[in-house]
Amino acid sequence: MNSKTTCIFLALLIGIFIAPICARAQFQTLAYRAPSSPFPAYLGDTTPAAKAWNSIYLEVAGSAIADALNYERLLTNSFGLRVGFGYAPLSGTNSKGTTVHASITSAPLTLSWFPFSDSDTASSDKLEIGAGALYANLSRKLGPFAEFNGIGYTGIIGYRYQPWDGGFLFRIAFTPIILAGNFQAYGGISFGYAF
């Protein structure tokens, strides 16, 4: 093999095998800039966004019976701990035509499991399964719920939309409630923000 053939062979070898490896390494260096990059995302900054570990949302009905403001902290990608507070003053007329005033105060504490969300790149659409305790104070019988002051239990099974890097949060769930030994099928819908 003469020197000209050897040079062509080496050039082809470099072009086919080594150049793509170098190009890929250079691309990865550019793609993972430090978070303090001065270039905005629309100019090619592909720095991965931070994980949204916290969320605040308003739940209408649901685990708190009344409308409740909730704070949730993700413990891992698959588990979240939520605490909430709800209060609703109510009034209506009884069978005798007199006005009756009542109120609901509640505070749910639940643990949720997102079974298919074990990585940072998991889908924004999630199955949510959970359970927890519920402090409830119902000053009068309200619909299916009897007058009650104490601890009850609640479950959660539903759908949640929550991007892993934060933003708009939406939940809809079946939330059965047990108060004073009585089971009630219940449900709720939530809107909020993850950050």
N, C-alpha and C. Protein backbone atom coordinates (compact mmCIF):
# COMPACT_ATOMS: atom_id res chain seq x y z
N MET A 1 0.86 -1.17 0.00
CA MET A 1 0.00 0.00 0.00
C MET A 1 0.90 1.23 0.00
N ASN A 2 0.71 2.12 -0.98
CA ASN A 2 1.56 3.30 -1.03
C ASN A 2 1.05 4.38 -0.10
N SER A 3 1.82 5.42 0.05
CA SER A 3 1.49 6.48 1.00
C SER A 3 0.23 7.24 0.62
N LYS A 4 -0.05 7.40 -0.64
CA LYS A 4 -1.26 8.10 -1.08
C LYS A 4 -2.49 7.29 -0.69
N THR A 5 -2.47 5.99 -0.89
CA THR A 5 -3.59 5.12 -0.52
C THR A 5 -3.77 5.09 0.99
N THR A 6 -2.68 5.06 1.72
CA THR A 6 -2.74 5.08 3.18
C THR A 6 -3.38 6.36 3.69
N CYS A 7 -3.02 7.50 3.11
CA CYS A 7 -3.61 8.79 3.52
C CYS A 7 -5.10 8.84 3.24
N ILE A 8 -5.51 8.34 2.08
CA ILE A 8 -6.94 8.32 1.74
C ILE A 8 -7.69 7.41 2.70
N PHE A 9 -7.12 6.24 3.01
CA PHE A 9 -7.73 5.30 3.93
C PHE A 9 -7.89 5.92 5.32
N LEU A 10 -6.87 6.59 5.82
CA LEU A 10 -6.95 7.24 7.13
C LEU A 10 -7.96 8.38 7.13
N ALA A 11 -8.03 9.15 6.05
CA ALA A 11 -9.00 10.25 5.95
C ALA A 11 -10.42 9.72 5.99
N LEU A 12 -10.67 8.61 5.27
CA LEU A 12 -12.00 8.00 5.29
C LEU A 12 -12.33 7.46 6.68
N LEU A 13 -11.37 6.83 7.31
CA LEU A 13 -11.56 6.30 8.66
C LEU A 13 -11.93 7.42 9.63
N ILE A 14 -11.21 8.53 9.55
CA ILE A 14 -11.50 9.67 10.42
C ILE A 14 -12.87 10.25 10.08
N GLY A 15 -13.15 10.38 8.80
CA GLY A 15 -14.44 10.95 8.38
C GLY A 15 -15.63 10.11 8.77
N ILE A 16 -15.48 8.81 8.73
CA ILE A 16 -16.62 7.92 9.01
C ILE A 16 -16.82 7.67 10.50
N PHE A 17 -15.74 7.49 11.25
CA PHE A 17 -15.88 7.07 12.64
C PHE A 17 -15.57 8.15 13.67
N ILE A 18 -14.54 8.89 13.48
CA ILE A 18 -14.08 9.81 14.52
C ILE A 18 -14.79 11.16 14.46
N ALA A 19 -14.99 11.70 13.27
CA ALA A 19 -15.63 13.02 13.14
C ALA A 19 -17.04 13.04 13.76
N PRO A 20 -17.91 12.05 13.52
CA PRO A 20 -19.23 12.09 14.16
C PRO A 20 -19.16 12.05 15.69
N ILE A 21 -18.20 11.31 16.24
CA ILE A 21 -18.05 11.26 17.70
C ILE A 21 -17.66 12.63 18.23
N CYS A 22 -16.73 13.30 17.57
CA CYS A 22 -16.32 14.64 17.99
C CYS A 22 -17.46 15.64 17.85
N ALA A 23 -18.20 15.54 16.75
CA ALA A 23 -19.33 16.46 16.54
C ALA A 23 -20.40 16.26 17.60
N ARG A 24 -20.69 15.00 17.94
CA ARG A 24 -21.70 14.71 18.97
C ARG A 24 -21.25 15.26 20.32
N ALA A 25 -19.98 15.10 20.66
CA ALA A 25 -19.46 15.63 21.93
C ALA A 25 -19.55 17.15 21.95
N GLN A 26 -19.25 17.81 20.84
CA GLN A 26 -19.33 19.27 20.77
C GLN A 26 -20.78 19.73 20.92
N PHE A 27 -21.72 19.02 20.28
CA PHE A 27 -23.13 19.36 20.38
C PHE A 27 -23.62 19.23 21.82
N GLN A 28 -23.23 18.16 22.51
CA GLN A 28 -23.66 17.95 23.89
C GLN A 28 -23.10 19.03 24.80
N THR A 29 -21.87 19.48 24.53
CA THR A 29 -21.30 20.57 25.32
C THR A 29 -22.12 21.84 25.15
N LEU A 30 -22.54 22.13 23.92
CA LEU A 30 -23.35 23.32 23.67
C LEU A 30 -24.76 23.16 24.21
N ALA A 31 -25.31 21.95 24.14
CA ALA A 31 -26.70 21.73 24.53
C ALA A 31 -26.91 21.83 26.04
N TYR A 32 -25.89 21.58 26.85
CA TYR A 32 -26.06 21.59 28.30
C TYR A 32 -25.25 22.72 28.92
N ARG A 33 -25.63 23.94 28.56
CA ARG A 33 -25.02 25.12 29.15
C ARG A 33 -25.43 25.27 30.61
N ALA A 34 -24.64 25.99 31.33
CA ALA A 34 -24.96 26.26 32.74
C ALA A 34 -26.26 27.04 32.82
N PRO A 35 -27.04 26.90 33.92
CA PRO A 35 -28.30 27.61 34.05
C PRO A 35 -28.18 29.13 33.94
N SER A 36 -26.99 29.68 34.14
CA SER A 36 -26.85 31.13 34.09
C SER A 36 -26.58 31.65 32.68
N SER A 37 -26.91 30.86 31.65
CA SER A 37 -26.66 31.26 30.28
C SER A 37 -27.37 32.58 29.97
N PRO A 38 -26.67 33.53 29.32
CA PRO A 38 -27.30 34.81 29.01
C PRO A 38 -28.23 34.73 27.80
N PHE A 39 -28.26 33.59 27.10
CA PHE A 39 -29.06 33.47 25.91
C PHE A 39 -30.45 32.95 26.26
N PRO A 40 -31.51 33.63 25.81
CA PRO A 40 -32.86 33.15 26.08
C PRO A 40 -33.16 31.87 25.31
N ALA A 41 -34.22 31.18 25.72
CA ALA A 41 -34.56 29.88 25.16
C ALA A 41 -34.78 29.94 23.65
N TYR A 42 -35.35 31.02 23.14
CA TYR A 42 -35.63 31.09 21.71
C TYR A 42 -34.38 31.26 20.87
N LEU A 43 -33.23 31.49 21.51
CA LEU A 43 -31.97 31.56 20.77
C LEU A 43 -31.17 30.27 20.89
N GLY A 44 -31.82 29.22 21.34
CA GLY A 44 -31.16 27.92 21.35
C GLY A 44 -30.70 27.44 22.71
N ASP A 45 -31.05 28.13 23.80
CA ASP A 45 -30.65 27.67 25.12
C ASP A 45 -31.46 26.42 25.46
N THR A 46 -30.81 25.30 25.58
CA THR A 46 -31.51 24.05 25.87
C THR A 46 -31.19 23.56 27.28
N THR A 47 -30.91 24.48 28.19
CA THR A 47 -30.67 24.10 29.57
C THR A 47 -31.94 23.47 30.13
N PRO A 48 -31.85 22.28 30.71
CA PRO A 48 -33.05 21.65 31.25
C PRO A 48 -33.70 22.53 32.32
N ALA A 49 -35.03 22.62 32.30
CA ALA A 49 -35.76 23.41 33.29
C ALA A 49 -35.73 22.69 34.64
N ALA A 50 -35.95 23.45 35.71
CA ALA A 50 -35.94 22.87 37.05
C ALA A 50 -37.25 22.13 37.32
N LYS A 51 -37.18 21.10 38.12
CA LYS A 51 -38.35 20.32 38.52
C LYS A 51 -39.24 21.18 39.41
N ALA A 52 -40.55 21.14 39.18
CA ALA A 52 -41.51 21.86 40.02
C ALA A 52 -41.92 20.95 41.18
N TRP A 53 -41.40 21.21 42.36
CA TRP A 53 -41.66 20.36 43.52
C TRP A 53 -42.88 20.81 44.32
N ASN A 54 -43.38 22.02 44.11
CA ASN A 54 -44.48 22.58 44.90
C ASN A 54 -45.66 22.93 44.01
N SER A 55 -46.84 22.90 44.59
CA SER A 55 -48.02 23.36 43.87
C SER A 55 -49.05 23.91 44.86
N ILE A 56 -49.79 24.88 44.36
CA ILE A 56 -50.90 25.47 45.10
C ILE A 56 -52.11 25.38 44.20
N TYR A 57 -53.22 24.89 44.74
CA TYR A 57 -54.42 24.78 43.91
C TYR A 57 -55.69 24.90 44.73
N LEU A 58 -56.75 25.34 44.05
CA LEU A 58 -58.08 25.43 44.64
C LEU A 58 -58.84 24.19 44.21
N GLU A 59 -59.36 23.46 45.19
CA GLU A 59 -60.16 22.27 44.90
C GLU A 59 -61.61 22.58 45.22
N VAL A 60 -62.47 22.41 44.24
CA VAL A 60 -63.90 22.63 44.41
C VAL A 60 -64.51 21.28 44.80
N ALA A 61 -65.17 21.25 45.97
CA ALA A 61 -65.69 20.02 46.57
C ALA A 61 -64.52 19.10 46.87
N GLY A 62 -64.52 17.86 46.44
CA GLY A 62 -63.37 16.98 46.63
C GLY A 62 -63.13 16.54 48.05
N SER A 63 -61.88 16.28 48.38
CA SER A 63 -61.49 15.70 49.66
C SER A 63 -61.84 16.57 50.86
N ALA A 64 -62.00 17.86 50.66
CA ALA A 64 -62.30 18.76 51.78
C ALA A 64 -63.79 19.01 51.96
N ILE A 65 -64.62 18.40 51.16
CA ILE A 65 -66.08 18.59 51.14
C ILE A 65 -66.41 20.00 50.62
N ALA A 66 -65.88 21.03 51.29
CA ALA A 66 -66.07 22.41 50.84
C ALA A 66 -64.94 22.78 49.88
N ASP A 67 -65.05 23.94 49.25
CA ASP A 67 -63.95 24.44 48.43
C ASP A 67 -62.75 24.68 49.33
N ALA A 68 -61.56 24.26 48.88
CA ALA A 68 -60.38 24.33 49.74
C ALA A 68 -59.16 24.81 48.97
N LEU A 69 -58.33 25.57 49.66
CA LEU A 69 -57.04 25.98 49.14
C LEU A 69 -56.02 24.96 49.64
N ASN A 70 -55.19 24.43 48.73
CA ASN A 70 -54.28 23.34 49.06
C ASN A 70 -52.85 23.67 48.68
N TYR A 71 -51.92 23.17 49.49
CA TYR A 71 -50.50 23.22 49.17
C TYR A 71 -50.01 21.78 49.10
N GLU A 72 -49.27 21.46 48.03
CA GLU A 72 -48.74 20.11 47.89
C GLU A 72 -47.25 20.17 47.61
N ARG A 73 -46.51 19.26 48.21
CA ARG A 73 -45.07 19.14 48.01
C ARG A 73 -44.79 17.73 47.50
N LEU A 74 -44.10 17.64 46.36
CA LEU A 74 -43.68 16.34 45.87
C LEU A 74 -42.53 15.84 46.72
N LEU A 75 -42.64 14.65 47.25
CA LEU A 75 -41.59 14.04 48.06
C LEU A 75 -40.58 13.34 47.15
N THR A 76 -41.10 12.74 46.07
CA THR A 76 -40.30 12.11 45.01
C THR A 76 -41.06 12.39 43.72
N ASN A 77 -40.58 11.86 42.61
CA ASN A 77 -41.33 12.01 41.36
C ASN A 77 -42.67 11.29 41.41
N SER A 78 -42.82 10.30 42.29
CA SER A 78 -44.02 9.47 42.32
C SER A 78 -44.95 9.73 43.51
N PHE A 79 -44.53 10.53 44.50
CA PHE A 79 -45.35 10.74 45.69
C PHE A 79 -45.45 12.22 46.05
N GLY A 80 -46.66 12.63 46.46
CA GLY A 80 -46.87 14.01 46.89
C GLY A 80 -47.68 14.07 48.17
N LEU A 81 -47.33 15.00 49.05
CA LEU A 81 -48.04 15.20 50.32
C LEU A 81 -48.77 16.52 50.24
N ARG A 82 -50.07 16.49 50.54
CA ARG A 82 -50.92 17.67 50.41
C ARG A 82 -51.59 18.01 51.74
N VAL A 83 -51.66 19.31 52.04
CA VAL A 83 -52.43 19.80 53.17
C VAL A 83 -53.32 20.93 52.64
N GLY A 84 -54.54 20.98 53.13
CA GLY A 84 -55.47 21.98 52.64
C GLY A 84 -56.34 22.55 53.74
N PHE A 85 -57.04 23.62 53.40
CA PHE A 85 -57.99 24.23 54.34
C PHE A 85 -59.19 24.71 53.55
N GLY A 86 -60.37 24.32 54.03
CA GLY A 86 -61.60 24.75 53.38
C GLY A 86 -62.61 25.27 54.37
N TYR A 87 -63.37 26.27 53.94
CA TYR A 87 -64.44 26.82 54.77
C TYR A 87 -65.54 27.31 53.86
N ALA A 88 -66.77 27.01 54.22
CA ALA A 88 -67.90 27.49 53.43
C ALA A 88 -69.08 27.79 54.36
N PRO A 89 -69.51 29.07 54.42
CA PRO A 89 -70.74 29.38 55.13
C PRO A 89 -71.92 29.09 54.21
N LEU A 90 -72.93 28.44 54.74
CA LEU A 90 -74.10 28.07 53.93
C LEU A 90 -75.37 28.52 54.63
N SER A 91 -76.38 28.77 53.84
CA SER A 91 -77.69 29.07 54.42
C SER A 91 -78.76 28.56 53.47
N GLY A 92 -79.89 28.23 54.02
CA GLY A 92 -81.01 27.72 53.24
C GLY A 92 -82.26 27.71 54.10
N THR A 93 -83.34 27.24 53.54
CA THR A 93 -84.58 27.18 54.31
C THR A 93 -84.91 25.72 54.59
N ASN A 94 -85.43 25.48 55.77
CA ASN A 94 -85.82 24.11 56.12
C ASN A 94 -87.26 23.87 55.71
N SER A 95 -87.81 22.71 56.07
CA SER A 95 -89.17 22.34 55.66
C SER A 95 -90.23 23.26 56.26
N LYS A 96 -89.90 23.97 57.35
CA LYS A 96 -90.84 24.89 57.99
C LYS A 96 -90.76 26.28 57.39
N GLY A 97 -89.81 26.50 56.47
CA GLY A 97 -89.69 27.80 55.82
C GLY A 97 -88.78 28.79 56.53
N THR A 98 -88.14 28.37 57.61
CA THR A 98 -87.23 29.27 58.31
C THR A 98 -85.82 29.14 57.73
N THR A 99 -85.10 30.24 57.81
CA THR A 99 -83.73 30.26 57.30
C THR A 99 -82.80 29.55 58.28
N VAL A 100 -81.98 28.67 57.74
CA VAL A 100 -81.04 27.91 58.55
C VAL A 100 -79.63 28.25 58.07
N HIS A 101 -78.76 28.55 59.01
CA HIS A 101 -77.36 28.85 58.68
C HIS A 101 -76.49 27.68 59.13
N ALA A 102 -75.50 27.38 58.31
CA ALA A 102 -74.58 26.28 58.64
C ALA A 102 -73.22 26.62 58.06
N SER A 103 -72.23 25.86 58.45
CA SER A 103 -70.89 26.07 57.88
C SER A 103 -70.14 24.75 57.87
N ILE A 104 -69.16 24.70 56.97
CA ILE A 104 -68.26 23.57 56.88
C ILE A 104 -66.84 24.10 57.02
N THR A 105 -66.10 23.54 57.94
CA THR A 105 -64.66 23.81 58.05
C THR A 105 -63.96 22.48 57.89
N SER A 106 -62.95 22.45 57.05
CA SER A 106 -62.29 21.17 56.83
C SER A 106 -60.81 21.37 56.52
N ALA A 107 -60.04 20.32 56.79
CA ALA A 107 -58.59 20.35 56.52
C ALA A 107 -58.14 18.94 56.15
N PRO A 108 -57.96 18.68 54.84
CA PRO A 108 -57.48 17.37 54.43
C PRO A 108 -55.95 17.28 54.48
N LEU A 109 -55.46 16.10 54.80
CA LEU A 109 -54.03 15.78 54.75
C LEU A 109 -53.93 14.45 54.00
N THR A 110 -53.42 14.50 52.76
CA THR A 110 -53.41 13.30 51.93
C THR A 110 -52.04 13.02 51.34
N LEU A 111 -51.82 11.76 51.01
CA LEU A 111 -50.62 11.32 50.30
C LEU A 111 -51.08 10.76 48.97
N SER A 112 -50.51 11.29 47.87
CA SER A 112 -50.87 10.83 46.53
C SER A 112 -49.72 10.09 45.89
N TRP A 113 -50.08 9.10 45.09
CA TRP A 113 -49.10 8.30 44.34
C TRP A 113 -49.39 8.47 42.86
N PHE A 114 -48.34 8.76 42.09
CA PHE A 114 -48.44 8.90 40.64
C PHE A 114 -47.67 7.72 40.05
N PRO A 115 -48.34 6.59 39.77
CA PRO A 115 -47.65 5.34 39.47
C PRO A 115 -46.76 5.33 38.22
N PHE A 116 -46.99 6.22 37.27
CA PHE A 116 -46.19 6.19 36.04
C PHE A 116 -45.30 7.43 35.92
N SER A 117 -44.95 8.05 37.04
CA SER A 117 -44.16 9.29 37.04
C SER A 117 -42.86 9.12 37.79
N ASP A 118 -42.08 8.10 37.43
CA ASP A 118 -40.87 7.83 38.17
C ASP A 118 -39.62 8.51 37.61
N SER A 119 -39.77 9.36 36.59
CA SER A 119 -38.60 10.06 36.05
C SER A 119 -38.92 11.53 35.84
N ASP A 120 -37.87 12.34 35.69
CA ASP A 120 -38.05 13.78 35.49
C ASP A 120 -38.67 14.10 34.13
N THR A 121 -38.65 13.17 33.21
CA THR A 121 -39.21 13.43 31.89
C THR A 121 -40.57 12.78 31.73
N ALA A 122 -41.23 12.45 32.84
CA ALA A 122 -42.53 11.80 32.78
C ALA A 122 -43.56 12.74 32.14
N SER A 123 -44.61 12.15 31.64
CA SER A 123 -45.67 12.90 30.97
C SER A 123 -46.35 13.88 31.94
N SER A 124 -46.93 14.93 31.37
CA SER A 124 -47.71 15.88 32.17
C SER A 124 -49.03 15.27 32.61
N ASP A 125 -49.52 14.27 31.91
CA ASP A 125 -50.77 13.59 32.24
C ASP A 125 -50.47 12.48 33.24
N LYS A 126 -51.18 12.49 34.36
CA LYS A 126 -50.87 11.55 35.43
C LYS A 126 -52.13 10.88 35.98
N LEU A 127 -51.99 9.63 36.35
CA LEU A 127 -52.99 8.95 37.16
C LEU A 127 -52.63 9.27 38.60
N GLU A 128 -53.63 9.68 39.38
CA GLU A 128 -53.38 9.99 40.80
C GLU A 128 -54.20 9.06 41.67
N ILE A 129 -53.53 8.39 42.60
CA ILE A 129 -54.18 7.50 43.56
C ILE A 129 -53.71 7.93 44.94
N GLY A 130 -54.63 8.16 45.86
CA GLY A 130 -54.21 8.63 47.17
C GLY A 130 -55.21 8.34 48.27
N ALA A 131 -54.81 8.65 49.48
CA ALA A 131 -55.66 8.48 50.66
C ALA A 131 -55.15 9.40 51.75
N GLY A 132 -56.01 9.65 52.73
CA GLY A 132 -55.57 10.49 53.83
C GLY A 132 -56.65 10.71 54.86
N ALA A 133 -56.32 11.58 55.79
CA ALA A 133 -57.23 11.93 56.88
C ALA A 133 -57.85 13.29 56.59
N LEU A 134 -58.97 13.54 57.21
CA LEU A 134 -59.72 14.78 56.99
C LEU A 134 -60.31 15.25 58.30
N TYR A 135 -59.91 16.45 58.75
CA TYR A 135 -60.62 17.05 59.88
C TYR A 135 -61.82 17.78 59.31
N ALA A 136 -62.99 17.54 59.86
CA ALA A 136 -64.20 18.20 59.36
C ALA A 136 -65.06 18.65 60.53
N ASN A 137 -65.62 19.85 60.38
CA ASN A 137 -66.58 20.38 61.34
C ASN A 137 -67.79 20.86 60.54
N LEU A 138 -68.85 20.08 60.59
CA LEU A 138 -70.11 20.44 59.95
C LEU A 138 -71.07 20.86 61.04
N SER A 139 -71.46 22.12 61.04
CA SER A 139 -72.27 22.63 62.15
C SER A 139 -73.70 22.12 62.12
N ARG A 140 -74.18 21.67 60.95
CA ARG A 140 -75.52 21.09 60.83
C ARG A 140 -75.49 20.01 59.76
N LYS A 141 -76.54 19.21 59.69
CA LYS A 141 -76.65 18.22 58.62
C LYS A 141 -76.73 18.96 57.29
N LEU A 142 -75.86 18.54 56.36
CA LEU A 142 -75.83 19.18 55.05
C LEU A 142 -75.87 18.11 53.97
N GLY A 143 -76.98 18.02 53.27
CA GLY A 143 -77.11 17.02 52.21
C GLY A 143 -76.87 15.63 52.75
N PRO A 144 -75.92 14.89 52.15
CA PRO A 144 -75.68 13.52 52.62
C PRO A 144 -74.84 13.45 53.89
N PHE A 145 -74.28 14.58 54.33
CA PHE A 145 -73.39 14.58 55.49
C PHE A 145 -74.13 15.02 56.75
N ALA A 146 -74.01 14.20 57.80
CA ALA A 146 -74.63 14.52 59.08
C ALA A 146 -73.76 15.53 59.83
N GLU A 147 -74.35 16.15 60.86
CA GLU A 147 -73.57 17.06 61.72
C GLU A 147 -72.38 16.27 62.27
N PHE A 148 -71.20 16.89 62.23
CA PHE A 148 -69.99 16.12 62.56
C PHE A 148 -68.89 17.07 62.98
N ASN A 149 -68.06 16.63 63.93
CA ASN A 149 -66.86 17.37 64.33
C ASN A 149 -65.82 16.34 64.73
N GLY A 150 -64.85 16.12 63.85
CA GLY A 150 -63.83 15.12 64.15
C GLY A 150 -63.00 14.76 62.94
N ILE A 151 -62.39 13.59 63.01
CA ILE A 151 -61.51 13.12 61.94
C ILE A 151 -62.24 12.09 61.10
N GLY A 152 -62.15 12.26 59.80
CA GLY A 152 -62.69 11.30 58.84
C GLY A 152 -61.58 10.86 57.90
N TYR A 153 -61.96 10.16 56.85
CA TYR A 153 -60.99 9.63 55.90
C TYR A 153 -61.44 9.92 54.48
N THR A 154 -60.48 10.04 53.60
CA THR A 154 -60.79 10.30 52.20
C THR A 154 -59.85 9.52 51.29
N GLY A 155 -60.33 9.23 50.12
CA GLY A 155 -59.52 8.56 49.10
C GLY A 155 -59.47 9.42 47.85
N ILE A 156 -58.57 9.11 46.96
CA ILE A 156 -58.43 9.87 45.71
C ILE A 156 -58.11 8.88 44.58
N ILE A 157 -58.86 8.98 43.51
CA ILE A 157 -58.47 8.31 42.27
C ILE A 157 -58.95 9.20 41.13
N GLY A 158 -57.99 9.65 40.32
CA GLY A 158 -58.38 10.57 39.27
C GLY A 158 -57.27 10.91 38.30
N TYR A 159 -57.53 11.94 37.53
CA TYR A 159 -56.61 12.41 36.49
C TYR A 159 -56.01 13.74 36.93
N ARG A 160 -54.71 13.90 36.65
CA ARG A 160 -54.03 15.17 36.95
C ARG A 160 -53.19 15.58 35.74
N TYR A 161 -53.30 16.86 35.39
CA TYR A 161 -52.41 17.44 34.38
C TYR A 161 -51.47 18.36 35.14
N GLN A 162 -50.17 18.03 35.14
CA GLN A 162 -49.17 18.84 35.83
C GLN A 162 -47.82 18.65 35.15
N PRO A 163 -47.35 19.63 34.36
CA PRO A 163 -46.02 19.50 33.74
C PRO A 163 -44.95 19.38 34.81
N TRP A 164 -43.95 18.54 34.57
CA TRP A 164 -42.91 18.29 35.58
C TRP A 164 -42.08 19.53 35.87
N ASP A 165 -42.03 20.48 34.91
CA ASP A 165 -41.25 21.70 35.15
C ASP A 165 -42.12 22.87 35.59
N GLY A 166 -43.38 22.62 35.93
CA GLY A 166 -44.24 23.65 36.50
C GLY A 166 -45.22 24.25 35.53
N GLY A 167 -46.08 25.12 36.06
CA GLY A 167 -47.10 25.77 35.24
C GLY A 167 -48.50 25.38 35.70
N PHE A 168 -49.44 25.50 34.78
CA PHE A 168 -50.85 25.25 35.07
C PHE A 168 -51.08 23.82 35.54
N LEU A 169 -51.91 23.67 36.55
CA LEU A 169 -52.25 22.37 37.13
C LEU A 169 -53.75 22.18 37.08
N PHE A 170 -54.20 21.00 36.69
CA PHE A 170 -55.62 20.66 36.64
C PHE A 170 -55.80 19.25 37.20
N ARG A 171 -56.81 19.07 38.03
CA ARG A 171 -57.12 17.76 38.60
C ARG A 171 -58.63 17.53 38.53
N ILE A 172 -59.01 16.29 38.32
CA ILE A 172 -60.41 15.88 38.48
C ILE A 172 -60.36 14.48 39.09
N ALA A 173 -61.13 14.27 40.16
CA ALA A 173 -60.97 13.01 40.89
C ALA A 173 -62.25 12.57 41.58
N PHE A 174 -62.35 11.27 41.75
CA PHE A 174 -63.34 10.65 42.61
C PHE A 174 -62.73 10.62 44.00
N THR A 175 -63.42 11.24 44.99
CA THR A 175 -62.85 11.38 46.33
C THR A 175 -63.86 10.89 47.38
N PRO A 176 -64.01 9.59 47.55
CA PRO A 176 -64.94 9.09 48.55
C PRO A 176 -64.53 9.54 49.95
N ILE A 177 -65.54 9.78 50.78
CA ILE A 177 -65.29 10.31 52.14
C ILE A 177 -66.00 9.42 53.15
N ILE A 178 -65.32 9.15 54.27
CA ILE A 178 -65.91 8.40 55.38
C ILE A 178 -65.91 9.32 56.60
N LEU A 179 -67.10 9.68 57.07
CA LEU A 179 -67.27 10.50 58.28
C LEU A 179 -68.20 9.75 59.22
N ALA A 180 -67.79 9.61 60.47
CA ALA A 180 -68.59 8.93 61.50
C ALA A 180 -69.06 7.55 61.02
N GLY A 181 -68.20 6.85 60.30
CA GLY A 181 -68.53 5.51 59.83
C GLY A 181 -69.41 5.46 58.61
N ASN A 182 -69.83 6.61 58.09
CA ASN A 182 -70.70 6.64 56.91
C ASN A 182 -69.89 6.93 55.66
N PHE A 183 -70.04 6.10 54.64
CA PHE A 183 -69.33 6.25 53.37
C PHE A 183 -70.17 7.11 52.43
N GLN A 184 -69.53 8.11 51.81
CA GLN A 184 -70.19 8.94 50.81
C GLN A 184 -69.34 9.01 49.56
N ALA A 185 -69.94 8.69 48.42
CA ALA A 185 -69.24 8.87 47.14
C ALA A 185 -69.21 10.37 46.88
N TYR A 186 -68.05 10.88 46.50
CA TYR A 186 -67.89 12.32 46.32
C TYR A 186 -66.86 12.55 45.23
N GLY A 187 -66.71 13.77 44.80
CA GLY A 187 -65.73 14.07 43.77
C GLY A 187 -65.36 15.54 43.79
N GLY A 188 -64.32 15.89 43.03
CA GLY A 188 -63.89 17.28 43.01
C GLY A 188 -63.08 17.61 41.77
N ILE A 189 -62.89 18.89 41.57
CA ILE A 189 -62.10 19.40 40.45
C ILE A 189 -61.20 20.50 40.99
N SER A 190 -59.98 20.57 40.47
CA SER A 190 -58.97 21.51 40.99
C SER A 190 -58.30 22.27 39.87
N PHE A 191 -57.92 23.52 40.19
CA PHE A 191 -57.15 24.37 39.29
C PHE A 191 -56.05 25.05 40.11
N GLY A 192 -54.86 25.11 39.57
CA GLY A 192 -53.80 25.75 40.33
C GLY A 192 -52.53 25.93 39.53
N TYR A 193 -51.41 26.03 40.26
CA TYR A 193 -50.13 26.34 39.64
C TYR A 193 -49.02 25.55 40.36
N ALA A 194 -48.18 24.91 39.56
CA ALA A 194 -47.03 24.17 40.11
C ALA A 194 -45.77 24.99 39.86
N PHE A 195 -44.86 24.99 40.85
CA PHE A 195 -43.65 25.79 40.73
C PHE A 195 -42.46 25.11 41.41
